[in-house]
Amino acid sequence: MGAGQASAHPHVFVTAREQVIFGSDGKITGIRADWKFDDMYSAFAIQGLGDPDKILTKEQLAPLAKTNVESLAEFGWFTVGRAFGKPIQFSEPVDYSLDEGADKLVTLHFTLPLKTPTATGPFFNLQIYDPTYFVAFDYETKDPVTLVNPPPGCSVSVAKPKPLDNTDSQKLSEAFFTNMSPGTDFGIKLASRAIIACP
């Protein structure tokens, strides 16, 4: 990575795996997230916690997990779902935890319940992204999005974003993001889209 790139967005890299949870009535009830952070952010997040030569336990990381999910609330947990063309509203996360792997990477786990369970409609769209692109999300290569207890015939596919054109590529500088107007949604241009379809 060159010097120019090192100072530009994004600053945090997340590899995500999502589960779309269905209830017994065939409606979507929640989204289960597993977000693995990059090595630099992982090291920063857990510095000063426990013995650096040992893997931290979930109990040791519990306060940090709580802080993470609470701080993500103002950003809508970077999770956008749409059914019948309308955005989905989520409740506060449950079943959240952090763990540190043998590779020293930290993974945040949490479940976002839907405030109102919903049928998929023609399609249920799910995207994970930071509008400001401070955090870059990418899906795991294997099983990036799976369905839990889906009705028969449901399927999921993941559509990758189109490459940025030259104009947008040139915007990836710190000056651009520092001067970004509130409400600017740059991150969606780089967000994959999971599409859930049920008959």
C-alpha atoms as a PDB file:
ATOM      1  CA  MET A   1       0.000   0.000   0.000  1.00  0.00           C
ATOM      2  CA  GLY A   2       1.432   3.343  -1.023  1.00  0.00           C
ATOM      3  CA  ALA A   3       1.686   6.408   1.184  1.00  0.00           C
ATOM      4  CA  GLY A   4      -1.250   8.082  -0.530  1.00  0.00           C
ATOM      5  CA  GLN A   5      -3.494   5.084  -0.050  1.00  0.00           C
ATOM      6  CA  ALA A   6      -2.545   4.641   3.595  1.00  0.00           C
ATOM      7  CA  SER A   7      -4.114   7.973   4.552  1.00  0.00           C
ATOM      8  CA  ALA A   8      -7.302   7.482   2.555  1.00  0.00           C
ATOM      9  CA  HIS A   9     -10.584   5.807   3.397  1.00  0.00           C
ATOM     10  CA  PRO A  10     -11.446   3.159   4.387  1.00  0.00           C
ATOM     11  CA  HIS A  11      -9.716   2.816   7.764  1.00  0.00           C
ATOM     12  CA  VAL A  12     -11.377  -0.350   9.052  1.00  0.00           C
ATOM     13  CA  PHE A  13     -11.976  -3.529   7.050  1.00  0.00           C
ATOM     14  CA  VAL A  14     -14.679  -6.019   7.977  1.00  0.00           C
ATOM     15  CA  THR A  15     -15.347  -9.434   6.489  1.00  0.00           C
ATOM     16  CA  ALA A  16     -18.999 -10.227   7.113  1.00  0.00           C
ATOM     17  CA  ARG A  17     -21.190 -13.285   7.219  1.00  0.00           C
ATOM     18  CA  GLU A  18     -24.948 -12.819   7.668  1.00  0.00           C
ATOM     19  CA  GLN A  19     -27.806 -15.158   8.502  1.00  0.00           C
ATOM     20  CA  VAL A  20     -31.395 -14.265   7.648  1.00  0.00           C
ATOM     21  CA  ILE A  21     -33.649 -15.838  10.285  1.00  0.00           C
ATOM     22  CA  PHE A  22     -37.200 -16.935   9.530  1.00  0.00           C
ATOM     23  CA  GLY A  23     -39.961 -17.632  12.028  1.00  0.00           C
ATOM     24  CA  SER A  24     -42.334 -20.598  11.946  1.00  0.00           C
ATOM     25  CA  ASP A  25     -44.831 -18.502   9.963  1.00  0.00           C
ATOM     26  CA  GLY A  26     -42.343 -17.980   7.139  1.00  0.00           C
ATOM     27  CA  LYS A  27     -41.652 -14.339   7.945  1.00  0.00           C
ATOM     28  CA  ILE A  28     -38.181 -12.878   8.475  1.00  0.00           C
ATOM     29  CA  THR A  29     -37.639 -12.191  12.176  1.00  0.00           C
ATOM     30  CA  GLY A  30     -34.002 -11.135  12.393  1.00  0.00           C
ATOM     31  CA  ILE A  31     -30.512 -10.831  10.957  1.00  0.00           C
ATOM     32  CA  ARG A  32     -27.571 -12.605  12.599  1.00  0.00           C
ATOM     33  CA  ALA A  33     -24.244 -10.873  11.927  1.00  0.00           C
ATOM     34  CA  ASP A  34     -20.677 -12.138  12.255  1.00  0.00           C
ATOM     35  CA  TRP A  35     -18.163  -9.391  11.495  1.00  0.00           C
ATOM     36  CA  LYS A  36     -14.451 -10.203  11.475  1.00  0.00           C
ATOM     37  CA  PHE A  37     -12.216  -7.132  11.791  1.00  0.00           C
ATOM     38  CA  ASP A  38      -8.849  -6.603  10.140  1.00  0.00           C
ATOM     39  CA  ASP A  39      -5.597  -7.144  12.017  1.00  0.00           C
ATOM     40  CA  MET A  40      -4.838  -3.480  12.720  1.00  0.00           C
ATOM     41  CA  TYR A  41      -8.271  -2.682  14.117  1.00  0.00           C
ATOM     42  CA  SER A  42      -8.340  -5.938  16.091  1.00  0.00           C
ATOM     43  CA  ALA A  43      -5.010  -5.099  17.727  1.00  0.00           C
ATOM     44  CA  PHE A  44      -6.190  -1.565  18.501  1.00  0.00           C
ATOM     45  CA  ALA A  45      -9.517  -2.709  19.941  1.00  0.00           C
ATOM     46  CA  ILE A  46      -8.090  -5.204  22.422  1.00  0.00           C
ATOM     47  CA  GLN A  47      -4.871  -3.487  23.441  1.00  0.00           C
ATOM     48  CA  GLY A  48      -4.472  -3.484  27.206  1.00  0.00           C
ATOM     49  CA  LEU A  49      -6.950  -6.309  27.712  1.00  0.00           C
ATOM     50  CA  GLY A  50      -5.555  -9.420  29.369  1.00  0.00           C
ATOM     51  CA  ASP A  51      -2.319 -11.228  28.560  1.00  0.00           C
ATOM     52  CA  PRO A  52      -1.211 -10.392  24.997  1.00  0.00           C
ATOM     53  CA  ASP A  53       0.240 -13.906  24.682  1.00  0.00           C
ATOM     54  CA  LYS A  54      -3.113 -15.555  25.370  1.00  0.00           C
ATOM     55  CA  ILE A  55      -6.411 -15.603  23.517  1.00  0.00           C
ATOM     56  CA  LEU A  56      -8.971 -13.414  25.250  1.00  0.00           C
ATOM     57  CA  THR A  57     -12.164 -15.065  26.455  1.00  0.00           C
ATOM     58  CA  LYS A  58     -15.679 -13.924  25.577  1.00  0.00           C
ATOM     59  CA  GLU A  59     -16.077 -12.917  29.214  1.00  0.00           C
ATOM     60  CA  GLN A  60     -13.047 -10.625  29.005  1.00  0.00           C
ATOM     61  CA  LEU A  61     -14.387  -9.137  25.785  1.00  0.00           C
ATOM     62  CA  ALA A  62     -17.999  -8.767  26.991  1.00  0.00           C
ATOM     63  CA  PRO A  63     -17.694  -5.066  28.004  1.00  0.00           C
ATOM     64  CA  LEU A  64     -16.150  -4.250  24.620  1.00  0.00           C
ATOM     65  CA  ALA A  65     -18.910  -6.148  22.816  1.00  0.00           C
ATOM     66  CA  LYS A  66     -21.514  -4.107  24.680  1.00  0.00           C
ATOM     67  CA  THR A  67     -19.739  -0.854  23.799  1.00  0.00           C
ATOM     68  CA  ASN A  68     -19.548  -1.883  20.144  1.00  0.00           C
ATOM     69  CA  VAL A  69     -23.216  -2.670  19.645  1.00  0.00           C
ATOM     70  CA  GLU A  70     -24.288   0.412  21.595  1.00  0.00           C
ATOM     71  CA  SER A  71     -22.038   2.719  19.564  1.00  0.00           C
ATOM     72  CA  LEU A  72     -23.300   1.193  16.309  1.00  0.00           C
ATOM     73  CA  ALA A  73     -26.896   2.138  17.127  1.00  0.00           C
ATOM     74  CA  GLU A  74     -26.561   5.689  15.778  1.00  0.00           C
ATOM     75  CA  PHE A  75     -25.427   4.208  12.449  1.00  0.00           C
ATOM     76  CA  GLY A  76     -28.291   1.722  12.257  1.00  0.00           C
ATOM     77  CA  TRP A  77     -25.720  -1.061  12.793  1.00  0.00           C
ATOM     78  CA  PHE A  78     -24.653  -0.436   9.174  1.00  0.00           C
ATOM     79  CA  THR A  79     -27.473  -2.799   8.216  1.00  0.00           C
ATOM     80  CA  VAL A  80     -30.126  -1.924   5.640  1.00  0.00           C
ATOM     81  CA  GLY A  81     -32.991  -4.253   4.790  1.00  0.00           C
ATOM     82  CA  ARG A  82     -35.861  -3.611   2.393  1.00  0.00           C
ATOM     83  CA  ALA A  83     -39.063  -5.562   1.795  1.00  0.00           C
ATOM     84  CA  PHE A  84     -41.912  -4.523  -0.495  1.00  0.00           C
ATOM     85  CA  GLY A  85     -39.728  -1.540  -1.424  1.00  0.00           C
ATOM     86  CA  LYS A  86     -39.727  -0.150   2.105  1.00  0.00           C
ATOM     87  CA  PRO A  87     -36.885  -0.026   4.666  1.00  0.00           C
ATOM     88  CA  ILE A  88     -36.993  -2.452   7.580  1.00  0.00           C
ATOM     89  CA  GLN A  89     -36.832  -1.204  11.170  1.00  0.00           C
ATOM     90  CA  PHE A  90     -34.656  -3.114  13.633  1.00  0.00           C
ATOM     91  CA  SER A  91     -34.821  -3.469  17.409  1.00  0.00           C
ATOM     92  CA  GLU A  92     -31.781  -3.305  19.697  1.00  0.00           C
ATOM     93  CA  PRO A  93     -29.246  -6.125  19.133  1.00  0.00           C
ATOM     94  CA  VAL A  94     -29.439  -9.289  21.221  1.00  0.00           C
ATOM     95  CA  ASP A  95     -27.106 -12.252  21.729  1.00  0.00           C
ATOM     96  CA  TYR A  96     -24.046 -10.101  21.117  1.00  0.00           C
ATOM     97  CA  SER A  97     -20.472 -11.140  21.859  1.00  0.00           C
ATOM     98  CA  LEU A  98     -16.883 -10.710  20.737  1.00  0.00           C
ATOM     99  CA  ASP A  99     -14.286 -13.403  20.332  1.00  0.00           C
ATOM    100  CA  GLU A 100     -10.617 -13.435  19.441  1.00  0.00           C
ATOM    101  CA  GLY A 101      -9.415 -16.118  17.067  1.00  0.00           C
ATOM    102  CA  ALA A 102      -6.095 -17.919  17.013  1.00  0.00           C
ATOM    103  CA  ASP A 103      -5.169 -15.504  14.210  1.00  0.00           C
ATOM    104  CA  LYS A 104      -5.671 -12.639  16.736  1.00  0.00           C
ATOM    105  CA  LEU A 105      -8.539 -11.252  14.672  1.00  0.00           C
ATOM    106  CA  VAL A 106     -11.611 -10.107  16.570  1.00  0.00           C
ATOM    107  CA  THR A 107     -15.121 -11.064  15.448  1.00  0.00           C
ATOM    108  CA  LEU A 108     -18.284  -9.304  16.595  1.00  0.00           C
ATOM    109  CA  HIS A 109     -21.458 -11.402  16.713  1.00  0.00           C
ATOM    110  CA  PHE A 110     -24.950  -9.989  17.193  1.00  0.00           C
ATOM    111  CA  THR A 111     -28.567 -10.527  16.181  1.00  0.00           C
ATOM    112  CA  LEU A 112     -30.794  -7.698  14.969  1.00  0.00           C
ATOM    113  CA  PRO A 113     -34.468  -8.555  15.518  1.00  0.00           C
ATOM    114  CA  LEU A 114     -36.940  -6.953  13.144  1.00  0.00           C
ATOM    115  CA  LYS A 115     -39.370  -4.692  14.985  1.00  0.00           C
ATOM    116  CA  THR A 116     -42.105  -6.250  12.877  1.00  0.00           C
ATOM    117  CA  PRO A 117     -41.472  -9.631  11.213  1.00  0.00           C
ATOM    118  CA  THR A 118     -41.991  -9.380   7.478  1.00  0.00           C
ATOM    119  CA  ALA A 119     -42.641 -11.593   4.508  1.00  0.00           C
ATOM    120  CA  THR A 120     -39.943 -11.327   1.881  1.00  0.00           C
ATOM    121  CA  GLY A 121     -42.267  -9.867  -0.719  1.00  0.00           C
ATOM    122  CA  PRO A 122     -40.994 -10.370  -4.277  1.00  0.00           C
ATOM    123  CA  PHE A 123     -37.491  -9.822  -2.887  1.00  0.00           C
ATOM    124  CA  PHE A 124     -35.918  -9.015   0.456  1.00  0.00           C
ATOM    125  CA  ASN A 125     -32.772  -6.928  -0.016  1.00  0.00           C
ATOM    126  CA  LEU A 126     -30.019  -6.834   2.595  1.00  0.00           C
ATOM    127  CA  GLN A 127     -26.955  -4.582   2.519  1.00  0.00           C
ATOM    128  CA  ILE A 128     -24.194  -4.023   5.053  1.00  0.00           C
ATOM    129  CA  TYR A 129     -22.280  -0.790   4.551  1.00  0.00           C
ATOM    130  CA  ASP A 130     -21.010   2.435   6.095  1.00  0.00           C
ATOM    131  CA  PRO A 131     -22.346   5.457   4.139  1.00  0.00           C
ATOM    132  CA  THR A 132     -19.144   7.392   4.884  1.00  0.00           C
ATOM    133  CA  TYR A 133     -16.916   4.452   3.853  1.00  0.00           C
ATOM    134  CA  PHE A 134     -14.804   4.787   7.006  1.00  0.00           C
ATOM    135  CA  VAL A 135     -15.526   1.082   7.441  1.00  0.00           C
ATOM    136  CA  ALA A 136     -15.326  -1.163   4.376  1.00  0.00           C
ATOM    137  CA  PHE A 137     -17.475  -4.298   4.409  1.00  0.00           C
ATOM    138  CA  ASP A 138     -16.936  -7.338   2.250  1.00  0.00           C
ATOM    139  CA  TYR A 139     -18.679 -10.693   2.456  1.00  0.00           C
ATOM    140  CA  GLU A 140     -16.937 -13.965   3.239  1.00  0.00           C
ATOM    141  CA  THR A 141     -16.165 -15.934   0.092  1.00  0.00           C
ATOM    142  CA  LYS A 142     -17.874 -19.100   1.360  1.00  0.00           C
ATOM    143  CA  ASP A 143     -21.504 -18.969   2.542  1.00  0.00           C
ATOM    144  CA  PRO A 144     -21.618 -15.172   2.863  1.00  0.00           C
ATOM    145  CA  VAL A 145     -25.376 -15.071   3.457  1.00  0.00           C
ATOM    146  CA  THR A 146     -27.434 -18.059   4.581  1.00  0.00           C
ATOM    147  CA  LEU A 147     -31.086 -18.632   5.439  1.00  0.00           C
ATOM    148  CA  VAL A 148     -32.166 -20.102   8.780  1.00  0.00           C
ATOM    149  CA  ASN A 149     -35.456 -22.031   8.842  1.00  0.00           C
ATOM    150  CA  PRO A 150     -36.668 -20.625   5.495  1.00  0.00           C
ATOM    151  CA  PRO A 151     -39.927 -21.683   3.848  1.00  0.00           C
ATOM    152  CA  PRO A 152     -39.522 -24.246   1.034  1.00  0.00           C
ATOM    153  CA  GLY A 153     -38.236 -22.810  -2.206  1.00  0.00           C
ATOM    154  CA  CYS A 154     -36.488 -19.741  -0.788  1.00  0.00           C
ATOM    155  CA  SER A 155     -33.122 -18.787  -2.243  1.00  0.00           C
ATOM    156  CA  VAL A 156     -30.406 -16.225  -1.647  1.00  0.00           C
ATOM    157  CA  SER A 157     -27.908 -14.642  -4.017  1.00  0.00           C
ATOM    158  CA  VAL A 158     -25.271 -11.963  -3.539  1.00  0.00           C
ATOM    159  CA  ALA A 159     -24.738  -9.250  -6.141  1.00  0.00           C
ATOM    160  CA  LYS A 160     -21.357  -7.551  -6.072  1.00  0.00           C
ATOM    161  CA  PRO A 161     -21.173  -3.773  -6.606  1.00  0.00           C
ATOM    162  CA  LYS A 162     -20.101  -2.378  -9.936  1.00  0.00           C
ATOM    163  CA  PRO A 163     -16.495  -1.112 -10.074  1.00  0.00           C
ATOM    164  CA  LEU A 164     -16.158   2.594  -9.353  1.00  0.00           C
ATOM    165  CA  ASP A 165     -15.807   4.831 -12.356  1.00  0.00           C
ATOM    166  CA  ASN A 166     -12.769   7.092 -12.639  1.00  0.00           C
ATOM    167  CA  THR A 167     -14.586  10.054 -11.098  1.00  0.00           C
ATOM    168  CA  ASP A 168     -15.550   8.149  -7.949  1.00  0.00           C
ATOM    169  CA  SER A 169     -12.155   6.429  -7.707  1.00  0.00           C
ATOM    170  CA  GLN A 170     -10.457   9.813  -7.617  1.00  0.00           C
ATOM    171  CA  LYS A 171     -12.671  10.829  -4.691  1.00  0.00           C
ATOM    172  CA  LEU A 172     -11.117   8.233  -2.377  1.00  0.00           C
ATOM    173  CA  SER A 173      -8.963  10.781  -0.569  1.00  0.00           C
ATOM    174  CA  GLU A 174      -9.103  11.950   3.016  1.00  0.00           C
ATOM    175  CA  ALA A 175      -9.962  15.490   1.903  1.00  0.00           C
ATOM    176  CA  PHE A 176     -13.078  14.260   0.109  1.00  0.00           C
ATOM    177  CA  PHE A 177     -14.367  12.369   3.142  1.00  0.00           C
ATOM    178  CA  THR A 178     -13.452  15.159   5.573  1.00  0.00           C
ATOM    179  CA  ASN A 179     -15.520  17.616   3.541  1.00  0.00           C
ATOM    180  CA  MET A 180     -18.339  15.180   2.821  1.00  0.00           C
ATOM    181  CA  SER A 181     -21.778  16.707   3.312  1.00  0.00           C
ATOM    182  CA  PRO A 182     -24.023  15.158   5.977  1.00  0.00           C
ATOM    183  CA  GLY A 183     -26.278  12.554   4.467  1.00  0.00           C
ATOM    184  CA  THR A 184     -23.899  11.718   1.620  1.00  0.00           C
ATOM    185  CA  ASP A 185     -24.242   8.009   0.916  1.00  0.00           C
ATOM    186  CA  PHE A 186     -20.958   7.131  -0.783  1.00  0.00           C
ATOM    187  CA  GLY A 187     -20.614   3.701   0.814  1.00  0.00           C
ATOM    188  CA  ILE A 188     -23.634   2.254  -0.974  1.00  0.00           C
ATOM    189  CA  LYS A 189     -21.709   2.448  -4.256  1.00  0.00           C
ATOM    190  CA  LEU A 190     -19.306  -0.157  -2.864  1.00  0.00           C
ATOM    191  CA  ALA A 191     -21.835  -2.360  -1.060  1.00  0.00           C
ATOM    192  CA  SER A 192     -22.768  -5.880  -2.074  1.00  0.00           C
ATOM    193  CA  ARG A 193     -26.460  -6.721  -2.022  1.00  0.00           C
ATOM    194  CA  ALA A 194     -27.955  -9.968  -0.736  1.00  0.00           C
ATOM    195  CA  ILE A 195     -31.240 -10.805  -2.434  1.00  0.00           C
ATOM    196  CA  ILE A 196     -33.614 -13.255  -0.750  1.00  0.00           C
ATOM    197  CA  ALA A 197     -36.484 -14.584  -2.838  1.00  0.00           C
ATOM    198  CA  CYS A 198     -39.316 -16.848  -1.703  1.00  0.00           C
ATOM    199  CA  PRO A 199     -42.187 -18.219  -3.787  1.00  0.00           C
END
